[in-house]
């Protein structure tokens, strides 16, 4: 009889622990950004969308104008027309939104 009581109490403790783990996991998934969300593109193709990095402000040289923007798998290349007449390419990490660098183009 004593063994049966111990077994029932032990199983009750395991059920409480398991239920706690399930609840904590559900709460964490609910509160975390949706990594697996899907957005439908204008062409009707479903595109997986990872959660973004929020809003970032990147400085470009004063007086620069954006000529072109190209998107690669993990970075954005922004072609700039600088105030002195030269051009530069600003590289931005797509995942983090961080500036990777500025490449100034100079003619020889």
PDB file of N, CA and C in Angstrom:
ATOM      1  N   UNK A   1       0.814  -1.186   0.000  1.00  0.00           N
ATOM      2  CA  UNK A   1       0.000   0.000   0.000  1.00  0.00           C
ATOM      3  C   UNK A   1       0.864   1.259   0.000  1.00  0.00           C
ATOM      4  N   UNK A   2       1.924   1.234   0.786  1.00  0.00           N
ATOM      5  CA  UNK A   2       2.827   2.383   0.854  1.00  0.00           C
ATOM      6  C   UNK A   2       3.507   2.600  -0.499  1.00  0.00           C
ATOM      7  N   UNK A   3       3.879   1.543  -1.203  1.00  0.00           N
ATOM      8  CA  UNK A   3       4.503   1.639  -2.522  1.00  0.00           C
ATOM      9  C   UNK A   3       3.566   2.248  -3.541  1.00  0.00           C
ATOM     10  N   UNK A   4       2.280   1.875  -3.457  1.00  0.00           N
ATOM     11  CA  UNK A   4       1.285   2.421  -4.375  1.00  0.00           C
ATOM     12  C   UNK A   4       1.092   3.913  -4.146  1.00  0.00           C
ATOM     13  N   UNK A   5       1.073   4.357  -2.894  1.00  0.00           N
ATOM     14  CA  UNK A   5       0.956   5.789  -2.582  1.00  0.00           C
ATOM     15  C   UNK A   5       2.150   6.556  -3.155  1.00  0.00           C
ATOM     16  N   UNK A   6       3.340   6.016  -2.970  1.00  0.00           N
ATOM     17  CA  UNK A   6       4.552   6.667  -3.486  1.00  0.00           C
ATOM     18  C   UNK A   6       4.495   6.778  -4.998  1.00  0.00           C
ATOM     19  N   UNK A   7       4.037   5.711  -5.643  1.00  0.00           N
ATOM     20  CA  UNK A   7       3.940   5.704  -7.098  1.00  0.00           C
ATOM     21  C   UNK A   7       2.930   6.754  -7.580  1.00  0.00           C
ATOM     22  N   UNK A   8       1.778   6.854  -6.934  1.00  0.00           N
ATOM     23  CA  UNK A   8       0.752   7.828  -7.315  1.00  0.00           C
ATOM     24  C   UNK A   8       1.252   9.252  -7.092  1.00  0.00           C
ATOM     25  N   UNK A   9       1.901   9.507  -5.971  1.00  0.00           N
ATOM     26  CA  UNK A   9       2.445  10.843  -5.701  1.00  0.00           C
ATOM     27  C   UNK A   9       3.528  11.183  -6.714  1.00  0.00           C
ATOM     28  N   UNK A  10       4.407  10.241  -7.010  1.00  0.00           N
ATOM     29  CA  UNK A  10       5.473  10.472  -7.988  1.00  0.00           C
ATOM     30  C   UNK A  10       4.925  10.785  -9.367  1.00  0.00           C
ATOM     31  N   UNK A  11       3.893  10.043  -9.792  1.00  0.00           N
ATOM     32  CA  UNK A  11       3.293  10.293 -11.099  1.00  0.00           C
ATOM     33  C   UNK A  11       2.573  11.648 -11.120  1.00  0.00           C
ATOM     34  N   UNK A  12       1.954  12.016  -9.999  1.00  0.00           N
ATOM     35  CA  UNK A  12       1.314  13.327  -9.912  1.00  0.00           C
ATOM     36  C   UNK A  12       2.327  14.450 -10.060  1.00  0.00           C
ATOM     37  N   UNK A  13       3.492  14.301  -9.430  1.00  0.00           N
ATOM     38  CA  UNK A  13       4.561  15.296  -9.548  1.00  0.00           C
ATOM     39  C   UNK A  13       5.049  15.370 -10.994  1.00  0.00           C
ATOM     40  N   UNK A  14       5.214  14.231 -11.662  1.00  0.00           N
ATOM     41  CA  UNK A  14       5.646  14.224 -13.064  1.00  0.00           C
ATOM     42  C   UNK A  14       4.616  14.908 -13.963  1.00  0.00           C
ATOM     43  N   UNK A  15       3.332  14.695 -13.692  1.00  0.00           N
ATOM     44  CA  UNK A  15       2.288  15.355 -14.493  1.00  0.00           C
ATOM     45  C   UNK A  15       2.349  16.864 -14.302  1.00  0.00           C
ATOM     46  N   UNK A  16       2.534  17.325 -13.078  1.00  0.00           N
ATOM     47  CA  UNK A  16       2.619  18.768 -12.813  1.00  0.00           C
ATOM     48  C   UNK A  16       3.840  19.364 -13.502  1.00  0.00           C
ATOM     49  N   UNK A  17       4.983  18.678 -13.430  1.00  0.00           N
ATOM     50  CA  UNK A  17       6.210  19.171 -14.086  1.00  0.00           C
ATOM     51  C   UNK A  17       6.011  19.218 -15.599  1.00  0.00           C
ATOM     52  N   UNK A  18       5.448  18.162 -16.172  1.00  0.00           N
ATOM     53  CA  UNK A  18       5.212  18.123 -17.621  1.00  0.00           C
ATOM     54  C   UNK A  18       4.263  19.206 -18.077  1.00  0.00           C
ATOM     55  N   UNK A  19       3.198  19.415 -17.324  1.00  0.00           N
ATOM     56  CA  UNK A  19       2.241  20.459 -17.664  1.00  0.00           C
ATOM     57  C   UNK A  19       2.874  21.849 -17.569  1.00  0.00           C
ATOM     58  N   UNK A  20       3.721  22.049 -16.594  1.00  0.00           N
ATOM     59  CA  UNK A  20       4.427  23.320 -16.449  1.00  0.00           C
ATOM     60  C   UNK A  20       5.332  23.571 -17.653  1.00  0.00           C
ATOM     61  N   UNK A  21       6.038  22.539 -18.092  1.00  0.00           N
ATOM     62  CA  UNK A  21       6.927  22.682 -19.258  1.00  0.00           C
ATOM     63  C   UNK A  21       6.115  23.029 -20.499  1.00  0.00           C
ATOM     64  N   UNK A  22       4.982  22.376 -20.693  1.00  0.00           N
ATOM     65  CA  UNK A  22       4.138  22.659 -21.856  1.00  0.00           C
ATOM     66  C   UNK A  22       3.629  24.103 -21.815  1.00  0.00           C
ATOM     67  N   UNK A  23       3.178  24.557 -20.666  1.00  0.00           N
ATOM     68  CA  UNK A  23       2.655  25.923 -20.544  1.00  0.00           C
ATOM     69  C   UNK A  23       3.749  26.953 -20.785  1.00  0.00           C
ATOM     70  N   UNK A  24       4.935  26.740 -20.208  1.00  0.00           N
ATOM     71  CA  UNK A  24       6.050  27.677 -20.404  1.00  0.00           C
ATOM     72  C   UNK A  24       6.441  27.726 -21.876  1.00  0.00           C
ATOM     73  N   UNK A  25       6.484  26.579 -22.547  1.00  0.00           N
ATOM     74  CA  UNK A  25       6.827  26.541 -23.967  1.00  0.00           C
ATOM     75  C   UNK A  25       5.798  27.299 -24.800  1.00  0.00           C
ATOM     76  N   UNK A  26       4.528  27.103 -24.520  1.00  0.00           N
ATOM     77  CA  UNK A  26       3.486  27.820 -25.255  1.00  0.00           C
ATOM     78  C   UNK A  26       3.568  29.329 -25.044  1.00  0.00           C
ATOM     79  N   UNK A  27       3.803  29.749 -23.821  1.00  0.00           N
ATOM     80  CA  UNK A  27       3.922  31.180 -23.532  1.00  0.00           C
ATOM     81  C   UNK A  27       5.131  31.768 -24.253  1.00  0.00           C
ATOM     82  N   UNK A  28       6.264  31.068 -24.242  1.00  0.00           N
ATOM     83  CA  UNK A  28       7.465  31.560 -24.930  1.00  0.00           C
ATOM     84  C   UNK A  28       7.242  31.664 -26.432  1.00  0.00           C
ATOM     85  N   UNK A  29       6.575  30.681 -27.026  1.00  0.00           N
ATOM     86  CA  UNK A  29       6.304  30.730 -28.462  1.00  0.00           C
ATOM     87  C   UNK A  29       5.314  31.835 -28.806  1.00  0.00           C
ATOM     88  N   UNK A  30       4.363  32.064 -27.941  1.00  0.00           N
ATOM     89  CA  UNK A  30       3.390  33.115 -28.180  1.00  0.00           C
ATOM     90  C   UNK A  30       4.038  34.496 -28.099  1.00  0.00           C
ATOM     91  N   UNK A  31       4.950  34.687 -27.149  1.00  0.00           N
ATOM     92  CA  UNK A  31       5.588  35.988 -26.947  1.00  0.00           C
ATOM     93  C   UNK A  31       6.743  36.249 -27.889  1.00  0.00           C
ATOM     94  N   UNK A  32       7.348  35.211 -28.441  1.00  0.00           N
ATOM     95  CA  UNK A  32       8.485  35.411 -29.338  1.00  0.00           C
ATOM     96  C   UNK A  32       7.985  35.796 -30.719  1.00  0.00           C
ATOM     97  N   UNK A  33       8.831  36.518 -31.498  1.00  0.00           N
ATOM     98  CA  UNK A  33       8.434  36.895 -32.853  1.00  0.00           C
ATOM     99  C   UNK A  33       8.222  35.650 -33.706  1.00  0.00           C
ATOM    100  N   UNK A  34       7.283  35.729 -34.631  1.00  0.00           N
ATOM    101  CA  UNK A  34       6.992  34.593 -35.495  1.00  0.00           C
ATOM    102  C   UNK A  34       8.097  34.425 -36.517  1.00  0.00           C
ATOM    103  N   UNK A  35       8.932  33.400 -36.349  1.00  0.00           N
ATOM    104  CA  UNK A  35       9.987  33.127 -37.313  1.00  0.00           C
ATOM    105  C   UNK A  35       9.427  32.404 -38.524  1.00  0.00           C
ATOM    106  N   UNK A  36       8.305  31.754 -38.391  1.00  0.00           N
ATOM    107  CA  UNK A  36       7.763  30.959 -39.471  1.00  0.00           C
ATOM    108  C   UNK A  36       6.545  31.563 -40.116  1.00  0.00           C
ATOM    109  N   UNK A  37       6.333  32.853 -39.974  1.00  0.00           N
ATOM    110  CA  UNK A  37       5.155  33.455 -40.569  1.00  0.00           C
ATOM    111  C   UNK A  37       5.312  33.533 -42.081  1.00  0.00           C
ATOM    112  N   UNK A  38       4.187  33.614 -42.775  1.00  0.00           N
ATOM    113  CA  UNK A  38       4.198  33.634 -44.228  1.00  0.00           C
ATOM    114  C   UNK A  38       3.432  34.867 -44.695  1.00  0.00           C
ATOM    115  N   UNK A  39       4.016  35.578 -45.648  1.00  0.00           N
ATOM    116  CA  UNK A  39       3.384  36.758 -46.217  1.00  0.00           C
ATOM    117  C   UNK A  39       3.124  36.484 -47.680  1.00  0.00           C
ATOM    118  N   UNK A  40       1.964  36.901 -48.171  1.00  0.00           N
ATOM    119  CA  UNK A  40       1.655  36.661 -49.564  1.00  0.00           C
ATOM    120  C   UNK A  40       2.098  37.853 -50.401  1.00  0.00           C
ATOM    121  N   UNK A  41       2.895  37.577 -51.413  1.00  0.00           N
ATOM    122  CA  UNK A  41       3.422  38.594 -52.306  1.00  0.00           C
ATOM    123  C   UNK A  41       2.320  39.014 -53.274  1.00  0.00           C
ATOM    124  N   UNK A  42       2.473  40.158 -53.906  1.00  0.00           N
ATOM    125  CA  UNK A  42       1.466  40.667 -54.841  1.00  0.00           C
ATOM    126  C   UNK A  42       1.232  39.705 -56.002  1.00  0.00           C
ATOM    127  N   UNK A  43       2.244  38.903 -56.342  1.00  0.00           N
ATOM    128  CA  UNK A  43       2.102  37.951 -57.445  1.00  0.00           C
ATOM    129  C   UNK A  43       1.328  36.710 -57.033  1.00  0.00           C
ATOM    130  N   UNK A  44       0.950  36.615 -55.740  1.00  0.00           N
ATOM    131  CA  UNK A  44       0.196  35.463 -55.272  1.00  0.00           C
ATOM    132  C   UNK A  44       1.073  34.367 -54.708  1.00  0.00           C
ATOM    133  N   UNK A  45       2.384  34.573 -54.686  1.00  0.00           N
ATOM    134  CA  UNK A  45       3.321  33.584 -54.160  1.00  0.00           C
ATOM    135  C   UNK A  45       3.486  33.818 -52.672  1.00  0.00           C
ATOM    136  N   UNK A  46       3.380  32.757 -51.894  1.00  0.00           N
ATOM    137  CA  UNK A  46       3.588  32.871 -50.452  1.00  0.00           C
ATOM    138  C   UNK A  46       5.079  32.881 -50.162  1.00  0.00           C
ATOM    139  N   UNK A  47       5.512  33.892 -49.430  1.00  0.00           N
ATOM    140  CA  UNK A  47       6.924  34.068 -49.127  1.00  0.00           C
ATOM    141  C   UNK A  47       7.110  34.001 -47.618  1.00  0.00           C
ATOM    142  N   UNK A  48       8.013  33.089 -47.119  1.00  0.00           N
ATOM    143  CA  UNK A  48       8.249  33.059 -45.674  1.00  0.00           C
ATOM    144  C   UNK A  48       8.911  34.347 -45.216  1.00  0.00           C
ATOM    145  N   UNK A  49       8.451  34.877 -44.091  1.00  0.00           N
ATOM    146  CA  UNK A  49       8.963  36.140 -43.587  1.00  0.00           C
ATOM    147  C   UNK A  49       9.488  35.934 -42.182  1.00  0.00           C
ATOM    148  N   UNK A  50      10.745  36.278 -41.966  1.00  0.00           N
ATOM    149  CA  UNK A  50      11.296  36.252 -40.616  1.00  0.00           C
ATOM    150  C   UNK A  50      10.985  37.573 -39.943  1.00  0.00           C
ATOM    151  N   UNK A  51      10.903  37.525 -38.659  1.00  0.00           N
ATOM    152  CA  UNK A  51      10.628  38.762 -37.947  1.00  0.00           C
ATOM    153  C   UNK A  51      11.760  39.751 -38.189  1.00  0.00           C
ATOM    154  N   UNK A  52      11.430  41.007 -38.248  1.00  0.00           N
ATOM    155  CA  UNK A  52      12.409  42.035 -38.552  1.00  0.00           C
ATOM    156  C   UNK A  52      13.183  42.488 -37.337  1.00  0.00           C
ATOM    157  N   UNK A  53      13.964  43.497 -37.539  1.00  0.00           N
ATOM    158  CA  UNK A  53      14.789  44.045 -36.476  1.00  0.00           C
ATOM    159  C   UNK A  53      14.216  45.347 -35.958  1.00  0.00           C
ATOM    160  N   UNK A  54      13.012  45.666 -36.392  1.00  0.00           N
ATOM    161  CA  UNK A  54      12.400  46.910 -35.946  1.00  0.00           C
ATOM    162  C   UNK A  54      12.809  48.056 -36.849  1.00  0.00           C
ATOM    163  N   UNK A  55      12.964  49.214 -36.286  1.00  0.00           N
ATOM    164  CA  UNK A  55      13.339  50.396 -37.056  1.00  0.00           C
ATOM    165  C   UNK A  55      14.808  50.701 -36.825  1.00  0.00           C
ATOM    166  N   UNK A  56      15.531  50.942 -37.901  1.00  0.00           N
ATOM    167  CA  UNK A  56      16.944  51.340 -37.823  1.00  0.00           C
ATOM    168  C   UNK A  56      17.128  52.639 -38.577  1.00  0.00           C
ATOM    169  N   UNK A  57      18.000  53.459 -38.071  1.00  0.00           N
ATOM    170  CA  UNK A  57      18.382  54.683 -38.778  1.00  0.00           C
ATOM    171  C   UNK A  57      19.841  54.536 -39.179  1.00  0.00           C
ATOM    172  N   UNK A  58      20.079  54.638 -40.478  1.00  0.00           N
ATOM    173  CA  UNK A  58      21.434  54.561 -40.998  1.00  0.00           C
ATOM    174  C   UNK A  58      21.798  55.910 -41.587  1.00  0.00           C
ATOM    175  N   UNK A  59      22.975  56.346 -41.270  1.00  0.00           N
ATOM    176  CA  UNK A  59      23.443  57.631 -41.792  1.00  0.00           C
ATOM    177  C   UNK A  59      24.064  57.426 -43.170  1.00  0.00           C
ATOM    178  N   UNK A  60      23.667  58.294 -44.083  1.00  0.00           N
ATOM    179  CA  UNK A  60      24.326  58.338 -45.380  1.00  0.00           C
ATOM    180  C   UNK A  60      25.031  59.687 -45.448  1.00  0.00           C
ATOM    181  N   UNK A  61      26.035  59.799 -46.306  1.00  0.00           N
ATOM    182  CA  UNK A  61      26.745  61.079 -46.393  1.00  0.00           C
ATOM    183  C   UNK A  61      25.787  62.230 -46.703  1.00  0.00           C
ATOM    184  N   UNK A  62      26.055  63.379 -46.106  1.00  0.00           N
ATOM    185  CA  UNK A  62      25.191  64.553 -46.252  1.00  0.00           C
ATOM    186  C   UNK A  62      25.075  64.945 -47.728  1.00  0.00           C
ATOM    187  N   UNK A  63      23.855  65.174 -48.169  1.00  0.00           N
ATOM    188  CA  UNK A  63      23.596  65.590 -49.544  1.00  0.00           C
ATOM    189  C   UNK A  63      23.547  64.447 -50.540  1.00  0.00           C
ATOM    190  N   UNK A  64      23.740  63.213 -50.097  1.00  0.00           N
ATOM    191  CA  UNK A  64      23.725  62.064 -51.002  1.00  0.00           C
ATOM    192  C   UNK A  64      22.301  61.747 -51.431  1.00  0.00           C
ATOM    193  N   UNK A  65      22.174  61.271 -52.661  1.00  0.00           N
ATOM    194  CA  UNK A  65      20.880  60.865 -53.195  1.00  0.00           C
ATOM    195  C   UNK A  65      20.941  59.383 -53.544  1.00  0.00           C
ATOM    196  N   UNK A  66      19.857  58.674 -53.273  1.00  0.00           N
ATOM    197  CA  UNK A  66      19.797  57.245 -53.575  1.00  0.00           C
ATOM    198  C   UNK A  66      19.479  57.068 -55.057  1.00  0.00           C
ATOM    199  N   UNK A  67      20.372  56.336 -55.754  1.00  0.00           N
ATOM    200  CA  UNK A  67      20.174  56.062 -57.168  1.00  0.00           C
ATOM    201  C   UNK A  67      19.523  54.704 -57.405  1.00  0.00           C
ATOM    202  N   UNK A  68      19.927  53.709 -56.611  1.00  0.00           N
ATOM    203  CA  UNK A  68      19.473  52.351 -56.850  1.00  0.00           C
ATOM    204  C   UNK A  68      19.556  51.545 -55.556  1.00  0.00           C
ATOM    205  N   UNK A  69      18.688  50.553 -55.432  1.00  0.00           N
ATOM    206  CA  UNK A  69      18.722  49.637 -54.291  1.00  0.00           C
ATOM    207  C   UNK A  69      18.640  48.223 -54.833  1.00  0.00           C
ATOM    208  N   UNK A  70      19.604  47.380 -54.445  1.00  0.00           N
ATOM    209  CA  UNK A  70      19.629  45.976 -54.857  1.00  0.00           C
ATOM    210  C   UNK A  70      19.610  45.095 -53.629  1.00  0.00           C
ATOM    211  N   UNK A  71      18.762  44.068 -53.671  1.00  0.00           N
ATOM    212  CA  UNK A  71      18.618  43.149 -52.553  1.00  0.00           C
ATOM    213  C   UNK A  71      19.252  41.819 -52.911  1.00  0.00           C
ATOM    214  N   UNK A  72      20.148  41.336 -52.045  1.00  0.00           N
ATOM    215  CA  UNK A  72      20.760  40.021 -52.176  1.00  0.00           C
ATOM    216  C   UNK A  72      20.158  39.154 -51.085  1.00  0.00           C
ATOM    217  N   UNK A  73      20.617  37.926 -50.950  1.00  0.00           N
ATOM    218  CA  UNK A  73      20.039  37.030 -49.945  1.00  0.00           C
ATOM    219  C   UNK A  73      20.258  37.523 -48.521  1.00  0.00           C
ATOM    220  N   UNK A  74      21.400  38.151 -48.243  1.00  0.00           N
ATOM    221  CA  UNK A  74      21.673  38.569 -46.868  1.00  0.00           C
ATOM    222  C   UNK A  74      22.123  40.012 -46.738  1.00  0.00           C
ATOM    223  N   UNK A  75      22.046  40.791 -47.812  1.00  0.00           N
ATOM    224  CA  UNK A  75      22.435  42.199 -47.708  1.00  0.00           C
ATOM    225  C   UNK A  75      21.718  43.046 -48.764  1.00  0.00           C
ATOM    226  N   UNK A  76      21.673  44.328 -48.468  1.00  0.00           N
ATOM    227  CA  UNK A  76      21.099  45.314 -49.381  1.00  0.00           C
ATOM    228  C   UNK A  76      22.229  46.229 -49.817  1.00  0.00           C
ATOM    229  N   UNK A  77      22.310  46.483 -51.116  1.00  0.00           N
ATOM    230  CA  UNK A  77      23.300  47.407 -51.656  1.00  0.00           C
ATOM    231  C   UNK A  77      22.559  48.651 -52.154  1.00  0.00           C
ATOM    232  N   UNK A  78      22.869  49.791 -51.549  1.00  0.00           N
ATOM    233  CA  UNK A  78      22.236  51.058 -51.914  1.00  0.00           C
ATOM    234  C   UNK A  78      23.278  51.896 -52.644  1.00  0.00           C
ATOM    235  N   UNK A  79      23.004  52.214 -53.894  1.00  0.00           N
ATOM    236  CA  UNK A  79      23.918  53.042 -54.682  1.00  0.00           C
ATOM    237  C   UNK A  79      23.572  54.507 -54.435  1.00  0.00           C
ATOM    238  N   UNK A  80      24.584  55.277 -54.040  1.00  0.00           N
ATOM    239  CA  UNK A  80      24.384  56.681 -53.684  1.00  0.00           C
ATOM    240  C   UNK A  80      25.118  57.592 -54.654  1.00  0.00           C
ATOM    241  N   UNK A  81      24.506  58.727 -54.955  1.00  0.00           N
ATOM    242  CA  UNK A  81      25.162  59.790 -55.715  1.00  0.00           C
ATOM    243  C   UNK A  81      25.571  60.838 -54.687  1.00  0.00           C
ATOM    244  N   UNK A  82      26.874  60.974 -54.468  1.00  0.00           N
ATOM    245  CA  UNK A  82      27.376  61.870 -53.433  1.00  0.00           C
ATOM    246  C   UNK A  82      27.381  63.319 -53.907  1.00  0.00           C
ATOM    247  N   UNK A  83      27.465  64.214 -52.958  1.00  0.00           N
ATOM    248  CA  UNK A  83      27.390  65.652 -53.244  1.00  0.00           C
ATOM    249  C   UNK A  83      28.566  66.121 -54.103  1.00  0.00           C
ATOM    250  N   UNK A  84      29.713  65.429 -54.029  1.00  0.00           N
ATOM    251  CA  UNK A  84      30.883  65.833 -54.832  1.00  0.00           C
ATOM    252  C   UNK A  84      30.846  65.262 -56.247  1.00  0.00           C
ATOM    253  N   UNK A  85      29.768  64.573 -56.616  1.00  0.00           N
ATOM    254  CA  UNK A  85      29.637  64.036 -57.968  1.00  0.00           C
ATOM    255  C   UNK A  85      30.056  62.582 -58.092  1.00  0.00           C
ATOM    256  N   UNK A  86      30.722  62.053 -57.098  1.00  0.00           N
ATOM    257  CA  UNK A  86      31.124  60.646 -57.152  1.00  0.00           C
ATOM    258  C   UNK A  86      29.969  59.770 -56.661  1.00  0.00           C
ATOM    259  N   UNK A  87      30.183  58.463 -56.753  1.00  0.00           N
ATOM    260  CA  UNK A  87      29.168  57.523 -56.299  1.00  0.00           C
ATOM    261  C   UNK A  87      29.746  56.601 -55.240  1.00  0.00           C
ATOM    262  N   UNK A  88      28.853  56.017 -54.451  1.00  0.00           N
ATOM    263  CA  UNK A  88      29.262  55.080 -53.410  1.00  0.00           C
ATOM    264  C   UNK A  88      28.186  54.011 -53.276  1.00  0.00           C
ATOM    265  N   UNK A  89      28.578  52.871 -52.723  1.00  0.00           N
ATOM    266  CA  UNK A  89      27.648  51.779 -52.463  1.00  0.00           C
ATOM    267  C   UNK A  89      27.621  51.535 -50.960  1.00  0.00           C
ATOM    268  N   UNK A  90      26.440  51.643 -50.377  1.00  0.00           N
ATOM    269  CA  UNK A  90      26.240  51.392 -48.954  1.00  0.00           C
ATOM    270  C   UNK A  90      25.717  49.975 -48.803  1.00  0.00           C
ATOM    271  N   UNK A  91      26.413  49.138 -48.003  1.00  0.00           N
ATOM    272  CA  UNK A  91      26.000  47.751 -47.779  1.00  0.00           C
ATOM    273  C   UNK A  91      25.342  47.630 -46.412  1.00  0.00           C
ATOM    274  N   UNK A  92      24.178  46.981 -46.378  1.00  0.00           N
ATOM    275  CA  UNK A  92      23.399  46.823 -45.153  1.00  0.00           C
ATOM    276  C   UNK A  92      23.056  45.352 -44.976  1.00  0.00           C
ATOM    277  N   UNK A  93      23.225  44.835 -43.758  1.00  0.00           N
ATOM    278  CA  UNK A  93      22.863  43.463 -43.440  1.00  0.00           C
ATOM    279  C   UNK A  93      21.345  43.369 -43.341  1.00  0.00           C
ATOM    280  N   UNK A  94      20.729  42.444 -44.089  1.00  0.00           N
ATOM    281  CA  UNK A  94      19.279  42.309 -44.112  1.00  0.00           C
ATOM    282  C   UNK A  94      18.746  41.793 -42.782  1.00  0.00           C
ATOM    283  N   UNK A  95      19.457  40.890 -42.140  1.00  0.00           N
ATOM    284  CA  UNK A  95      18.974  40.257 -40.917  1.00  0.00           C
ATOM    285  C   UNK A  95      19.000  41.215 -39.736  1.00  0.00           C
ATOM    286  N   UNK A  96      20.104  41.939 -39.563  1.00  0.00           N
ATOM    287  CA  UNK A  96      20.261  42.793 -38.387  1.00  0.00           C
ATOM    288  C   UNK A  96      19.956  44.260 -38.662  1.00  0.00           C
ATOM    289  N   UNK A  97      20.004  44.670 -39.918  1.00  0.00           N
ATOM    290  CA  UNK A  97      19.811  46.073 -40.254  1.00  0.00           C
ATOM    291  C   UNK A  97      21.055  46.912 -40.021  1.00  0.00           C
ATOM    292  N   UNK A  98      22.169  46.274 -39.692  1.00  0.00           N
ATOM    293  CA  UNK A  98      23.416  46.996 -39.430  1.00  0.00           C
ATOM    294  C   UNK A  98      24.106  47.383 -40.734  1.00  0.00           C
ATOM    295  N   UNK A  99      24.784  48.496 -40.685  1.00  0.00           N
ATOM    296  CA  UNK A  99      25.580  48.960 -41.816  1.00  0.00           C
ATOM    297  C   UNK A  99      26.844  48.129 -41.900  1.00  0.00           C
ATOM    298  N   UNK A 100      27.086  47.494 -43.052  1.00  0.00           N
ATOM    299  CA  UNK A 100      28.283  46.679 -43.230  1.00  0.00           C
ATOM    300  C   UNK A 100      29.457  47.517 -43.722  1.00  0.00           C
ATOM    301  N   UNK A 101      29.170  48.527 -44.498  1.00  0.00           N
ATOM    302  CA  UNK A 101      30.259  49.367 -44.974  1.00  0.00           C
ATOM    303  C   UNK A 101      29.804  50.293 -46.090  1.00  0.00           C
ATOM    304  N   UNK A 102      30.694  51.203 -46.452  1.00  0.00           N
ATOM    305  CA  UNK A 102      30.445  52.154 -47.533  1.00  0.00           C
ATOM    306  C   UNK A 102      31.613  52.046 -48.501  1.00  0.00           C
ATOM    307  N   UNK A 103      31.321  51.744 -49.742  1.00  0.00           N
ATOM    308  CA  UNK A 103      32.348  51.627 -50.776  1.00  0.00           C
ATOM    309  C   UNK A 103      32.252  52.849 -51.658  1.00  0.00           C
ATOM    310  N   UNK A 104      33.297  53.675 -51.648  1.00  0.00           N
ATOM    311  CA  UNK A 104      33.310  54.869 -52.496  1.00  0.00           C
ATOM    312  C   UNK A 104      33.906  54.503 -53.847  1.00  0.00           C
ATOM    313  N   UNK A 105      33.189  54.844 -54.904  1.00  0.00           N
ATOM    314  CA  UNK A 105      33.639  54.551 -56.243  1.00  0.00           C
ATOM    315  C   UNK A 105      34.375  55.764 -56.803  1.00  0.00           C
ATOM    316  N   UNK A 106      35.589  55.541 -57.248  1.00  0.00           N
ATOM    317  CA  UNK A 106      36.405  56.637 -57.775  1.00  0.00           C
ATOM    318  C   UNK A 106      36.861  56.262 -59.184  1.00  0.00           C
ATOM    319  N   UNK A 107      36.786  57.229 -60.078  1.00  0.00           N
ATOM    320  CA  UNK A 107      37.261  56.987 -61.434  1.00  0.00           C
ATOM    321  C   UNK A 107      38.761  57.237 -61.500  1.00  0.00           C
ATOM    322  N   UNK A 108      39.433  56.450 -62.315  1.00  0.00           N
ATOM    323  CA  UNK A 108      40.897  56.582 -62.457  1.00  0.00           C
ATOM    324  C   UNK A 108      41.266  57.643 -63.435  1.00  0.00           C
TER     325      UNK A 108
END
